[in-house]
Amino acid sequence: MSYQDRNNIVSIVVSLLVNGYVIFRLFEMSAAGAFDGADAVNVWARMVVWAIPISIAGTIVGTILFNIAYAMVTGETKPSFLVDERDRQIDLRAIVAVVVVAAAGFILAIVGLAFGWSALVGFNIVYFAMALGSMASDAFKFIAYRMDA
């Protein structure tokens, strides 16, 4: 398993865990009535503000621990950090995946707001479109490396 594959796996797992927790909290907070007042968007934003750095820190820590564990199990002493043209092409296509999914979510949120959806729904759509775009990018890279191998 390449270094890129390991990083993509960790990123997908951390994204699933963090966004699963965000979904759980959204349902929990909604059931408790946290989004019923005029400050619903502020309450939502305070929750999301913590999700982003936790996701970043979780990915960094998870990548380090997973690579250490992989090296201990396989005996691989030093991963290859060489980047060739194929890696650059895969990264560029993965960026396109992020942009397409995030843009589609943004457009959906704008259309929804134009038809009377609440700002909270619009923000949720944008947040989850970006999260889904990130996961789509990681999944694309993982699949692309599998297809080339």
Protein backbone atom coordinates (compact mmCIF):
# COMPACT_ATOMS: atom_id res chain seq x y z
CA MET A 1 0.00 0.00 0.00
CA SER A 2 1.45 3.33 -1.04
CA TYR A 3 1.88 6.33 1.20
CA GLN A 4 -0.85 8.16 -0.74
CA ASP A 5 -3.26 5.24 -0.25
CA ARG A 6 -2.68 5.23 3.49
CA ASN A 7 -3.28 8.98 3.72
CA ASN A 8 -6.47 8.72 1.65
CA ILE A 9 -7.82 5.92 3.83
CA VAL A 10 -7.16 7.90 7.01
CA SER A 11 -8.76 11.01 5.54
CA ILE A 12 -11.89 9.11 4.49
CA VAL A 13 -12.22 7.42 7.90
CA VAL A 14 -11.73 10.68 9.81
CA SER A 15 -14.23 12.47 7.53
CA LEU A 16 -16.80 9.74 8.08
CA LEU A 17 -16.31 9.86 11.85
CA VAL A 18 -16.38 13.64 12.19
CA ASN A 19 -19.30 14.14 9.81
CA GLY A 20 -21.18 11.25 11.39
CA TYR A 21 -20.74 12.99 14.73
CA VAL A 22 -21.91 16.30 13.21
CA ILE A 23 -25.03 14.60 11.85
CA PHE A 24 -25.66 12.99 15.25
CA ARG A 25 -25.26 16.36 16.98
CA LEU A 26 -27.54 18.08 14.47
CA PHE A 27 -30.33 15.61 15.14
CA GLU A 28 -29.71 15.76 18.89
CA MET A 29 -29.66 19.57 18.97
CA SER A 30 -32.70 19.80 16.71
CA ALA A 31 -34.65 17.45 18.97
CA ALA A 32 -33.66 19.56 21.97
CA GLY A 33 -34.94 22.69 20.24
CA ALA A 34 -31.54 24.37 19.89
CA PHE A 35 -32.39 25.57 16.40
CA ASP A 36 -35.83 26.99 17.22
CA GLY A 37 -34.74 30.49 18.20
CA ALA A 38 -33.55 33.46 16.24
CA ASP A 39 -29.93 32.49 16.91
CA ALA A 40 -30.23 29.06 15.22
CA VAL A 41 -27.51 29.85 12.68
CA ASN A 42 -25.19 31.03 15.46
CA VAL A 43 -25.73 27.80 17.41
CA TRP A 44 -25.06 25.79 14.25
CA ALA A 45 -21.92 27.81 13.47
CA ARG A 46 -20.49 27.27 16.96
CA MET A 47 -20.84 23.53 16.45
CA VAL A 48 -19.26 23.57 12.98
CA VAL A 49 -16.40 25.83 14.09
CA TRP A 50 -15.23 22.96 16.30
CA ALA A 51 -15.79 20.25 13.68
CA ILE A 52 -13.31 21.72 11.22
CA PRO A 53 -10.16 21.85 13.44
CA ILE A 54 -11.07 18.48 14.97
CA SER A 55 -11.20 17.02 11.48
CA ILE A 56 -7.84 18.56 10.56
CA ALA A 57 -6.18 17.43 13.79
CA GLY A 58 -7.75 13.98 13.52
CA THR A 59 -6.43 13.57 10.00
CA ILE A 60 -2.91 14.62 11.02
CA VAL A 61 -2.81 12.40 14.11
CA GLY A 62 -4.49 9.50 12.29
CA THR A 63 -2.04 9.73 9.38
CA ILE A 64 0.96 9.70 11.69
CA LEU A 65 -0.34 6.79 13.78
CA PHE A 66 -1.49 4.76 10.76
CA ASN A 67 1.85 5.21 9.01
CA ILE A 68 3.76 4.21 12.15
CA ALA A 69 1.57 1.13 12.61
CA TYR A 70 1.90 0.23 8.92
CA ALA A 71 5.70 0.52 9.14
CA MET A 72 5.77 -1.68 12.25
CA VAL A 73 3.57 -4.36 10.67
CA THR A 74 5.18 -4.42 7.22
CA GLY A 75 8.74 -3.51 8.14
CA GLU A 76 8.79 -0.71 5.57
CA THR A 77 11.34 1.70 6.97
CA LYS A 78 10.86 4.75 4.76
CA PRO A 79 7.89 5.61 2.57
CA SER A 80 8.48 6.99 -0.89
CA PHE A 81 7.56 10.65 -1.23
CA LEU A 82 8.38 10.83 -4.93
CA VAL A 83 5.73 12.61 -6.97
CA ASP A 84 5.54 11.92 -10.68
CA GLU A 85 3.31 13.19 -13.48
CA ARG A 86 0.68 10.52 -12.74
CA ASP A 87 0.41 11.73 -9.14
CA ARG A 88 -0.03 15.31 -10.32
CA GLN A 89 -2.74 14.29 -12.80
CA ILE A 90 -4.58 12.31 -10.13
CA ASP A 91 -4.38 15.26 -7.73
CA LEU A 92 -5.72 17.65 -10.38
CA ARG A 93 -8.67 15.36 -11.15
CA ALA A 94 -9.34 15.01 -7.44
CA ILE A 95 -9.45 18.80 -7.12
CA VAL A 96 -12.03 18.85 -9.91
CA ALA A 97 -14.12 16.36 -7.89
CA VAL A 98 -14.06 18.69 -4.87
CA VAL A 99 -14.98 21.72 -6.94
CA VAL A 100 -17.84 19.97 -8.78
CA VAL A 101 -19.44 18.54 -5.64
CA ALA A 102 -18.98 21.70 -3.56
CA ALA A 103 -20.28 23.91 -6.38
CA ALA A 104 -23.32 21.66 -6.86
CA GLY A 105 -24.05 21.92 -3.14
CA PHE A 106 -23.65 25.68 -3.20
CA ILE A 107 -26.00 26.00 -6.16
CA LEU A 108 -28.52 23.70 -4.46
CA ALA A 109 -28.35 25.85 -1.32
CA ILE A 110 -28.89 29.06 -3.32
CA VAL A 111 -31.84 27.56 -5.20
CA GLY A 112 -33.29 26.26 -1.93
CA LEU A 113 -32.96 29.66 -0.28
CA ALA A 114 -34.67 31.23 -3.30
CA PHE A 115 -37.60 28.85 -2.75
CA GLY A 116 -37.93 29.67 0.94
CA TRP A 117 -35.71 27.17 2.72
CA SER A 118 -34.22 28.43 5.96
CA ALA A 119 -30.66 29.71 6.21
CA LEU A 120 -29.87 26.80 8.50
CA VAL A 121 -30.81 24.30 5.78
CA GLY A 122 -28.71 26.27 3.28
CA PHE A 123 -25.68 26.24 5.56
CA ASN A 124 -26.08 22.51 6.17
CA ILE A 125 -26.20 21.84 2.44
CA VAL A 126 -23.04 23.88 1.84
CA TYR A 127 -21.20 22.24 4.76
CA PHE A 128 -22.10 18.71 3.75
CA ALA A 129 -21.43 19.39 0.06
CA MET A 130 -17.92 20.46 0.96
CA ALA A 131 -17.46 17.47 3.24
CA LEU A 132 -18.79 15.14 0.54
CA GLY A 133 -16.52 16.83 -2.01
CA SER A 134 -13.51 16.17 0.19
CA MET A 135 -14.48 12.53 0.63
CA ALA A 136 -15.16 12.22 -3.12
CA SER A 137 -11.67 13.58 -3.78
CA ASP A 138 -10.06 11.08 -1.41
CA ALA A 139 -12.12 8.22 -2.82
CA PHE A 140 -11.23 9.26 -6.37
CA LYS A 141 -7.53 9.27 -5.51
CA PHE A 142 -7.76 5.90 -3.80
CA ILE A 143 -9.59 4.35 -6.77
CA ALA A 144 -7.27 6.02 -9.30
CA TYR A 145 -4.19 4.60 -7.60
CA ARG A 146 -5.85 1.16 -7.47
CA MET A 147 -6.66 1.30 -11.20
CA ASP A 148 -3.08 2.27 -12.13
CA ALA A 149 -1.48 -0.36 -9.90
